[in-house]
Amino acid sequence: MIITKTPFRMSFAGGGSDLKEYYLNHGGSVLSVSMNKYIYLSMHPHFHDDKFFLKYSENEYVDSIEDIKHKILKQLLTDYNLKGIDFNSSADIPSGTGLGSSSAFTSGLITLCNAYTNRYMSQEDIAKYACEIEIDKLKEPIGKQDQYACAMGGINFIKFNQDNTVSIEKILLEPTKFQELEDNLLLFYLGDTRSASKILAEQKVNTSKSDKVENLHKMVKLSYELKDELQNSNIDAMGDILHRGWMYKKELASQISNEKIDYYYNLALQNGATGGKLLGAGGSGFLLFYVLKEEQQRLRLALLDLEEFSFKFDTEGTKVIYYDD
C-alpha cells in the first residue's frame, strides 16, 4: 500500500496568464500558495492481477485499461503500464470549487505511480509532466499554474515563458510576516461547484481580443508588484492587489462572476475587507478576502450565511506519506 498527499492551491495574482494562448505571445506569471487541504490517493495490488478497481467519486471495476472512464487515471495507468490495481481517492474539498483539484489529482497520481514503480521525479518534473498529461494529451482547456502550485508547495512566483518553459521563484517571508499573511486571509464557501472548462474555453477565445489581452497584461504586472511587496515584507499590499486583480479578471469572460458573487464581494468590502477575489476559473467556489485582524469579526458577522473555511499554508507540496512494500 502506498499513499500520497497533495495540497490544493490559492492563486493571488496573474491567473489567466498561464494559458498558452497568452504566455506564448507575451509571457505570463502567477503568484500563488498551496494550502493545508489535500487530496489523498492510495494504491495497492488488486487480488486479481489483471483487473482494475478504481474508487473516486464513482467506482469502476474493469478488466482493461481501455474500459476506464476516468481520463487522467486511464492516461497515467497506460503511461506507467500498470495493471492489477486497487486505487482509492479521497479529498478534504470537493472538486469544482476553484482550488485546483484536477491538477492536484494529476500531480498526486504521478507521485503515486512513481512510488509504485520505484521511480524518482522531482516536484518540478512532476508538475511539468502533469501539464503534459492534462493539456497536451487530454486537451483540457486549462493553464499551467495549478500543476506547479500543487506539486511544489509553498508561496511561489511562477513565470510562464514564451519558449514554453516555466521558472519558479520561492517567496520566502520572515516567520512573523508569513504568519501575519496567513492570519489575514479569510476564505468563505459560496456553496456551489462548477466545471471550469466552459469558462476557460471562452477565456482562451477572448485572448485574441485586444481589450482582454490588455487586462491580462495588467494582471501579470500585479503579480510582479505583489512579489516585490511581499519580498519587502509589505503584507498589507495584498488586499489592494487582490481587489485590482479581481476587477480585471471579471472582464475576461462572461461567466467569471455573477450577481451572488458580486453581492457578497461588495458586502465584504463594506465590512472590513481591503480586497479579495473568487478563486479558480469563476462562477462559484470560494471567496478569498484580505482582512486586518481588528476587522475580522465584523466581516464574519456580515457574511454569516456563508461557511467560513479555515486553512493554513502548506510548504511541502506533493509527497508520499505511507509506503508499505
Foldseek 3Di string as FASTA:
>chain_A
DWKKKWFFKFWQFLPLCQQLLRCLVPKTKTKIATWPWIKMKDKDAAPDQQWEWEEDVDTDTGRDLVPDDPQLVSVVCVVLVGTRMYMYMDTRDDPQQQRLVVLRVQLQVVQRSCVVVVHDDALVRSLVVSCCSVCVVVNQLHGSPRNSNGSQGAIWMWMQHSVRDIDIDHQDADPVLLVQLQVQKWKWFPPDGDDLRVLSVQLSVLCVPPLLSVLSVVRRVLSVVVSVCVSVSVSVVSAVSSASRQVSLCPSGPQQEDPSRVVLQVLLVVQFFSHWHRHHSHNGHMIMTGGHPVRVVSSCVSPVVTDIDRIHTTRGHMDIDDDDD
